[in-house]
Protein backbone atom coordinates (compact mmCIF):
# COMPACT_ATOMS: atom_id res chain seq x y z
CA MET A 1 38.29 22.50 31.67
CA SER A 2 35.18 24.25 30.31
CA GLU A 3 35.78 22.72 26.86
CA ALA A 4 35.83 19.22 28.41
CA ILE A 5 32.59 19.91 30.28
CA THR A 6 30.96 21.15 27.06
CA ALA A 7 32.13 18.10 25.14
CA ASN A 8 30.80 15.76 27.83
CA SER A 9 27.45 17.59 27.82
CA GLU A 10 27.15 17.26 24.04
CA THR A 11 28.02 13.57 24.24
CA ALA A 12 25.37 13.05 26.91
CA LEU A 13 22.76 14.91 24.84
CA ASN A 14 23.58 12.89 21.73
CA SER A 15 23.39 9.69 23.71
CA GLU A 16 20.00 10.64 25.15
CA ALA A 17 18.72 11.58 21.69
CA ALA A 18 19.87 8.25 20.29
CA ARG A 19 18.19 6.42 23.17
CA ARG A 20 14.91 8.24 22.57
CA GLN A 21 15.07 7.55 18.84
CA LYS A 22 15.69 3.85 19.44
CA LEU A 23 12.78 3.74 21.86
CA GLU A 24 10.52 5.49 19.33
CA PHE A 25 11.59 3.07 16.59
CA ASN A 26 10.96 -0.03 18.72
CA LYS A 27 7.54 1.24 19.75
CA LEU A 28 6.59 2.10 16.19
CA GLN A 29 7.88 -1.18 14.79
CA LYS A 30 5.88 -3.16 17.35
CA ARG A 31 2.72 -1.23 16.46
CA LEU A 32 3.11 -1.78 12.71
CA ARG A 33 4.01 -5.42 13.25
CA ARG A 34 0.96 -5.92 15.48
CA GLU A 35 -1.35 -4.19 12.99
CA MET A 36 -0.04 -6.23 10.08
CA GLY A 37 -0.28 -9.46 12.04
CA GLN A 38 -3.87 -8.62 12.97
CA ALA A 39 -4.80 -7.82 9.37
CA ILE A 40 -3.23 -11.06 8.13
CA ALA A 41 -5.18 -13.03 10.74
CA ASP A 42 -8.50 -11.20 10.30
CA PHE A 43 -8.58 -11.63 6.53
CA SER A 44 -6.64 -14.92 6.20
CA MET A 45 -4.12 -13.18 3.96
CA ILE A 46 -1.26 -15.65 4.29
CA GLU A 47 -1.51 -19.41 4.76
CA ALA A 48 0.98 -22.23 5.16
CA GLY A 49 3.02 -22.80 2.00
CA ASP A 50 2.11 -19.48 0.36
CA LYS A 51 4.53 -17.83 -2.03
CA VAL A 52 4.05 -14.10 -1.48
CA MET A 53 5.20 -11.62 -4.11
CA CYS A 54 5.93 -8.20 -2.55
CA CYS A 55 5.53 -5.53 -5.21
CA LEU A 56 8.17 -2.86 -4.64
CA SER A 57 8.03 0.56 -6.23
CA GLY A 58 10.78 2.22 -4.25
CA GLY A 59 8.23 4.17 -2.22
CA LYS A 60 7.92 4.30 1.56
CA ASP A 61 4.87 2.02 1.77
CA SER A 62 6.20 -0.90 -0.25
CA TYR A 63 9.55 -0.72 1.58
CA ALA A 64 7.76 -0.79 4.94
CA MET A 65 5.52 -3.65 3.84
CA LEU A 66 8.47 -5.84 2.84
CA ASP A 67 10.45 -4.90 5.94
CA ILE A 68 7.65 -5.84 8.35
CA LEU A 69 6.70 -8.99 6.43
CA LEU A 70 10.32 -10.17 6.68
CA ASN A 71 10.19 -9.43 10.41
CA LEU A 72 6.94 -11.37 10.84
CA GLN A 73 8.18 -14.27 8.74
CA LYS A 74 10.81 -15.09 11.37
CA SER A 75 8.23 -15.80 14.07
CA ALA A 76 5.12 -16.69 12.06
CA PRO A 77 3.27 -19.87 13.12
CA VAL A 78 3.20 -20.97 9.47
CA ARG A 79 5.96 -21.15 6.89
CA PHE A 80 5.65 -18.99 3.79
CA GLU A 81 7.99 -17.72 1.10
CA LEU A 82 8.70 -14.09 0.21
CA ILE A 83 10.03 -12.72 -3.07
CA ALA A 84 10.38 -9.07 -4.06
CA VAL A 85 9.47 -7.80 -7.52
CA ASN A 86 9.99 -4.38 -9.07
CA LEU A 87 8.72 -3.21 -12.44
CA ASP A 88 11.25 -0.94 -14.12
CA GLN A 89 9.03 1.13 -16.42
CA LYS A 90 11.96 2.89 -18.07
CA GLN A 91 11.15 6.32 -16.75
CA PRO A 92 13.89 8.82 -17.62
CA GLY A 93 16.32 9.22 -14.76
CA PHE A 94 15.09 6.17 -12.84
CA PRO A 95 17.98 5.02 -10.58
CA GLU A 96 18.12 1.37 -11.67
CA GLU A 97 20.79 0.40 -9.16
CA VAL A 98 18.94 1.44 -5.97
CA LEU A 99 16.52 -1.46 -5.50
CA PRO A 100 18.91 -4.26 -6.59
CA GLU A 101 21.56 -2.98 -4.17
CA TYR A 102 19.01 -2.75 -1.33
CA LEU A 103 17.56 -6.21 -2.00
CA GLU A 104 21.00 -7.80 -2.42
CA ALA A 105 21.88 -6.51 1.04
CA LEU A 106 18.69 -8.09 2.44
CA GLY A 107 19.55 -11.43 0.89
CA ILE A 108 16.00 -11.95 -0.40
CA GLU A 109 15.07 -13.42 -3.78
CA TYR A 110 14.09 -10.60 -6.10
CA HIS A 111 13.22 -9.93 -9.73
CA ILE A 112 13.43 -6.73 -11.76
CA ILE A 113 10.97 -6.73 -14.68
CA GLU A 114 11.97 -4.33 -17.45
CA LYS A 115 9.05 -3.05 -19.54
CA ASP A 116 8.87 0.34 -21.25
CA THR A 117 5.36 1.33 -20.17
CA TYR A 118 6.52 4.93 -19.78
CA SER A 119 6.64 5.48 -23.54
CA ILE A 120 3.19 3.91 -23.99
CA VAL A 121 1.65 6.15 -21.32
CA LYS A 122 3.25 9.31 -22.70
CA GLU A 123 2.08 8.40 -26.21
CA LYS A 124 -1.51 7.50 -25.29
CA VAL A 125 -2.33 10.10 -22.59
CA PRO A 126 -2.87 13.68 -23.82
CA GLU A 127 -0.67 16.36 -22.31
CA GLY A 128 -2.10 17.63 -19.03
CA LYS A 129 -4.26 14.56 -18.39
CA THR A 130 -3.71 12.22 -15.46
CA THR A 131 -1.43 9.34 -16.40
CA CYS A 132 -2.19 7.11 -13.40
CA GLY A 133 -5.14 5.16 -14.82
CA LEU A 134 -3.37 3.72 -17.87
CA CYS A 135 -0.08 3.36 -16.01
CA SER A 136 -1.74 1.30 -13.27
CA ARG A 137 -3.57 -0.98 -15.73
CA LEU A 138 -0.37 -1.71 -17.66
CA ARG A 139 1.50 -2.53 -14.46
CA ARG A 140 -1.28 -4.79 -13.20
CA GLY A 141 -1.26 -6.89 -16.36
CA ILE A 142 2.53 -7.30 -16.29
CA LEU A 143 2.74 -8.12 -12.58
CA TYR A 144 -0.25 -10.47 -12.57
CA ASN A 145 1.15 -12.43 -15.51
CA PHE A 146 4.55 -12.62 -13.82
CA ALA A 147 2.91 -13.92 -10.65
CA GLU A 148 1.18 -16.74 -12.52
CA GLU A 149 4.34 -17.70 -14.38
CA HIS A 150 6.30 -17.95 -11.11
CA ARG A 151 3.61 -19.86 -9.17
CA VAL A 152 2.96 -16.95 -6.81
CA THR A 153 -0.07 -17.57 -4.58
CA LYS A 154 -0.44 -14.07 -3.10
CA ILE A 155 0.43 -10.63 -4.53
CA ALA A 156 1.16 -8.15 -1.72
CA LEU A 157 0.57 -4.45 -2.36
CA GLY A 158 1.52 -1.58 -0.06
CA HIS A 159 -1.85 0.15 0.28
CA HIS A 160 -2.54 1.29 3.83
CA ARG A 161 -5.56 2.37 5.87
CA ASP A 162 -5.55 5.91 4.47
CA ASP A 163 -5.57 4.58 0.90
CA LEU A 164 -8.66 2.50 1.68
CA LEU A 165 -10.46 5.49 3.18
CA GLU A 166 -9.42 7.83 0.37
CA THR A 167 -10.73 5.36 -2.22
CA LEU A 168 -14.04 5.11 -0.35
CA PHE A 169 -14.53 8.88 -0.50
CA LEU A 170 -13.31 9.15 -4.09
CA ASN A 171 -15.86 6.57 -5.19
CA MET A 172 -18.61 8.35 -3.27
CA PHE A 173 -17.73 11.86 -4.48
CA TYR A 174 -16.80 11.09 -8.08
CA GLY A 175 -17.85 7.53 -8.89
CA GLY A 176 -21.30 7.26 -7.33
CA LYS A 177 -20.42 4.01 -5.57
CA LEU A 178 -19.96 2.99 -1.96
CA LYS A 179 -16.83 0.88 -2.29
CA SER A 180 -13.16 0.89 -1.39
CA MET A 181 -10.16 -1.42 -1.83
CA PRO A 182 -10.61 -4.70 0.07
CA PRO A 183 -7.76 -6.13 2.17
CA VAL A 184 -8.01 -9.33 0.08
CA LEU A 185 -9.18 -9.53 -3.52
CA HIS A 186 -9.55 -12.67 -5.63
CA SER A 187 -9.53 -12.35 -9.41
CA ASP A 188 -12.62 -13.55 -11.25
CA ASP A 189 -10.58 -16.02 -13.28
CA GLY A 190 -8.91 -17.49 -10.19
CA ARG A 191 -5.42 -16.62 -11.38
CA ASN A 192 -4.46 -14.06 -8.74
CA THR A 193 -5.08 -13.14 -5.12
CA VAL A 194 -4.13 -9.62 -4.04
CA ILE A 195 -3.48 -8.86 -0.36
CA ARG A 196 -2.90 -5.57 1.43
CA PRO A 197 -1.04 -6.37 4.69
CA LEU A 198 -0.86 -2.68 5.69
CA ALA A 199 -4.67 -2.30 5.63
CA TYR A 200 -4.78 -1.44 9.37
CA SER A 201 -1.77 0.91 9.38
CA ARG A 202 -1.79 4.71 9.21
CA GLU A 203 0.17 6.50 6.51
CA LYS A 204 1.80 8.89 8.99
CA ASP A 205 3.13 5.94 11.01
CA ILE A 206 4.54 4.34 7.86
CA ALA A 207 6.15 7.64 6.81
CA ARG A 208 7.82 7.98 10.22
CA TYR A 209 8.97 4.37 10.12
CA ALA A 210 10.46 4.90 6.65
CA ARG A 211 12.42 7.92 7.90
CA LEU A 212 13.76 6.02 10.90
CA ARG A 213 14.73 3.03 8.74
CA GLU A 214 16.25 5.37 6.14
CA PHE A 215 14.82 3.51 3.16
CA PRO A 216 16.32 4.64 -0.19
CA ILE A 217 13.12 6.24 -1.51
CA ILE A 218 12.67 6.54 -5.28
CA PRO A 219 10.17 9.23 -6.36
CA CYS A 220 7.77 8.72 -9.26
CA ASN A 221 8.72 11.23 -11.96
CA LEU A 222 5.90 10.17 -14.27
CA CYS A 223 2.93 11.31 -12.19
CA GLY A 224 4.36 12.67 -8.96
CA SER A 225 4.41 16.25 -10.21
CA GLN A 226 0.79 16.31 -11.36
CA GLU A 227 -1.19 18.88 -9.41
CA ASN A 228 -4.81 19.14 -8.29
CA LEU A 229 -5.45 15.40 -8.53
CA GLN A 230 -8.73 14.33 -6.97
CA ARG A 231 -6.90 11.95 -4.65
CA GLN A 232 -4.71 14.76 -3.35
CA VAL A 233 -7.81 16.84 -2.62
CA ILE A 234 -9.17 13.99 -0.47
CA LYS A 235 -5.79 13.51 1.18
CA ASP A 236 -5.61 17.18 2.12
CA MET A 237 -9.13 16.98 3.55
CA PHE A 238 -8.16 13.99 5.69
CA GLN A 239 -5.04 15.73 6.98
CA SER A 240 -7.15 18.70 8.01
CA TRP A 241 -9.65 16.45 9.78
CA ASP A 242 -6.87 14.56 11.54
CA LYS A 243 -5.52 17.82 12.98
CA GLN A 244 -8.85 19.40 13.88
CA HIS A 245 -10.70 16.24 14.96
CA PRO A 246 -8.25 13.61 16.28
CA GLY A 247 -9.70 10.12 16.06
CA ARG A 248 -12.10 10.88 13.20
CA LEU A 249 -10.17 8.80 10.65
CA GLU A 250 -10.02 5.88 13.07
CA THR A 251 -13.80 6.06 13.52
CA MET A 252 -14.30 6.24 9.76
CA PHE A 253 -12.20 3.13 9.24
CA ARG A 254 -14.15 1.25 11.91
CA ALA A 255 -17.29 2.12 9.94
CA LEU A 256 -15.70 0.63 6.84
CA CYS A 257 -15.31 -2.63 8.78
CA ASN A 258 -18.83 -2.51 10.24
CA VAL A 259 -21.35 -2.28 7.38
CA GLU A 260 -25.08 -2.86 7.81
CA PRO A 261 -26.73 -3.40 4.37
CA SER A 262 -30.27 -3.05 5.79
CA HIS A 263 -29.52 0.57 6.66
CA LEU A 264 -28.30 1.53 3.20
CA ALA A 265 -30.29 1.47 -0.05
CA ASP A 266 -28.75 -1.24 -2.24
CA THR A 267 -31.49 -3.65 -3.29
CA GLY A 268 -28.84 -6.01 -4.62
CA LEU A 269 -27.41 -6.49 -1.12
CA TYR A 270 -30.62 -6.39 0.90
CA ASP A 271 -34.12 -7.64 0.15
CA PHE A 272 -36.25 -4.89 1.64
CA ARG A 273 -39.48 -6.76 0.87
CA GLU A 274 -38.40 -9.87 2.78
CA GLY A 275 -36.19 -8.07 5.28
CA ALA A 276 -33.13 -10.26 4.65
CA ARG A 277 -29.65 -9.94 3.22
CA ARG A 278 -29.18 -11.26 -0.29
CA SER A 279 -26.47 -13.83 -0.92
CA GLY A 280 -23.70 -13.17 -3.38
CA GLY A 281 -22.98 -9.70 -4.65
CA GLY A 282 -19.24 -10.16 -4.27
CA GLN A 283 -17.02 -8.66 -6.90
CA GLY A 284 -13.63 -9.93 -7.95
CA VAL A 285 -11.15 -8.30 -10.26
CA GLY A 286 -10.00 -9.40 -13.66
CA THR A 287 -6.35 -9.93 -14.49
CA VAL A 288 -6.41 -6.57 -16.22
CA GLU A 289 -9.19 -4.42 -14.89
CA PRO A 290 -11.53 -2.56 -17.28
CA ASP A 291 -11.51 1.20 -17.50
CA ALA A 292 -12.55 2.87 -14.25
CA PRO A 293 -12.85 6.47 -13.03
CA ASP A 294 -9.36 7.95 -12.76
CA PHE A 295 -9.09 9.47 -9.30
CA GLY A 296 -5.50 10.60 -9.64
CA ARG A 297 -2.51 9.04 -8.07
CA LEU A 298 -3.65 5.67 -6.79
CA ASP A 299 -0.55 3.70 -7.56
CA VAL A 300 -0.93 -0.07 -7.54
CA LEU A 301 2.57 -0.23 -6.09
CA ASN A 302 1.79 2.68 -3.83
CA ILE A 303 4.71 4.93 -4.56
């Protein structure tokens, strides 16, 4: 009798835990879906007839981006196409079967590009130096060329709100510039348009969503083990702030969206003699970007 009571109690507890987890997932999915929808609307990321290339690395952010975009596509007021693309860089031990199996199950069009950039990076970058800068530039060139060849109109990357804030601080601390990664970026030559649909979403929400969805995460063995990267220092600082001062990161991101050039000191953006904003000053990005300060692990595919 007591064994039956115990079994029933365990079943009830498991059922309640499953109910709570489902409730948490639904709430989280709605939040991420709402944030992505708002970002797409605010920055005109996706328009009718667009062919959107989702760059997948096998990391939590790119998985979440594709998952939510597919969800939004079903009820979007405009029709657009989604394809998934992964760049297999021939890193030793890379599980080549993981992404094809996952994407086959989704039933989405996908492409695996095989290019041995790993050997190039290991050959060109001295031992102990950060590999991310060269690795990112090589990937950009390959992916941007692929996008043009396949008539892609938008290239979707998995950078989220925390990435934008981290880049802002990295540029201030180490680059001497007040700039971040924009939610939409048009190349100077008109070939490519990069969008970041997760621009309004928090990394911790995406990480929780990835755990609940049980995405088959693939770690980056090329640069993931590098220690003391400048980006990680900023990330640790943000995590500390988030614990000690809840809401600070949200306020910082609002500031990023609410810039007043007249209260800064850039004479290229504001004419202090005339008291008026200057036109222009926008900056695009070339198909393959020139050398830039290497802040550590800022992965274009956001592993």
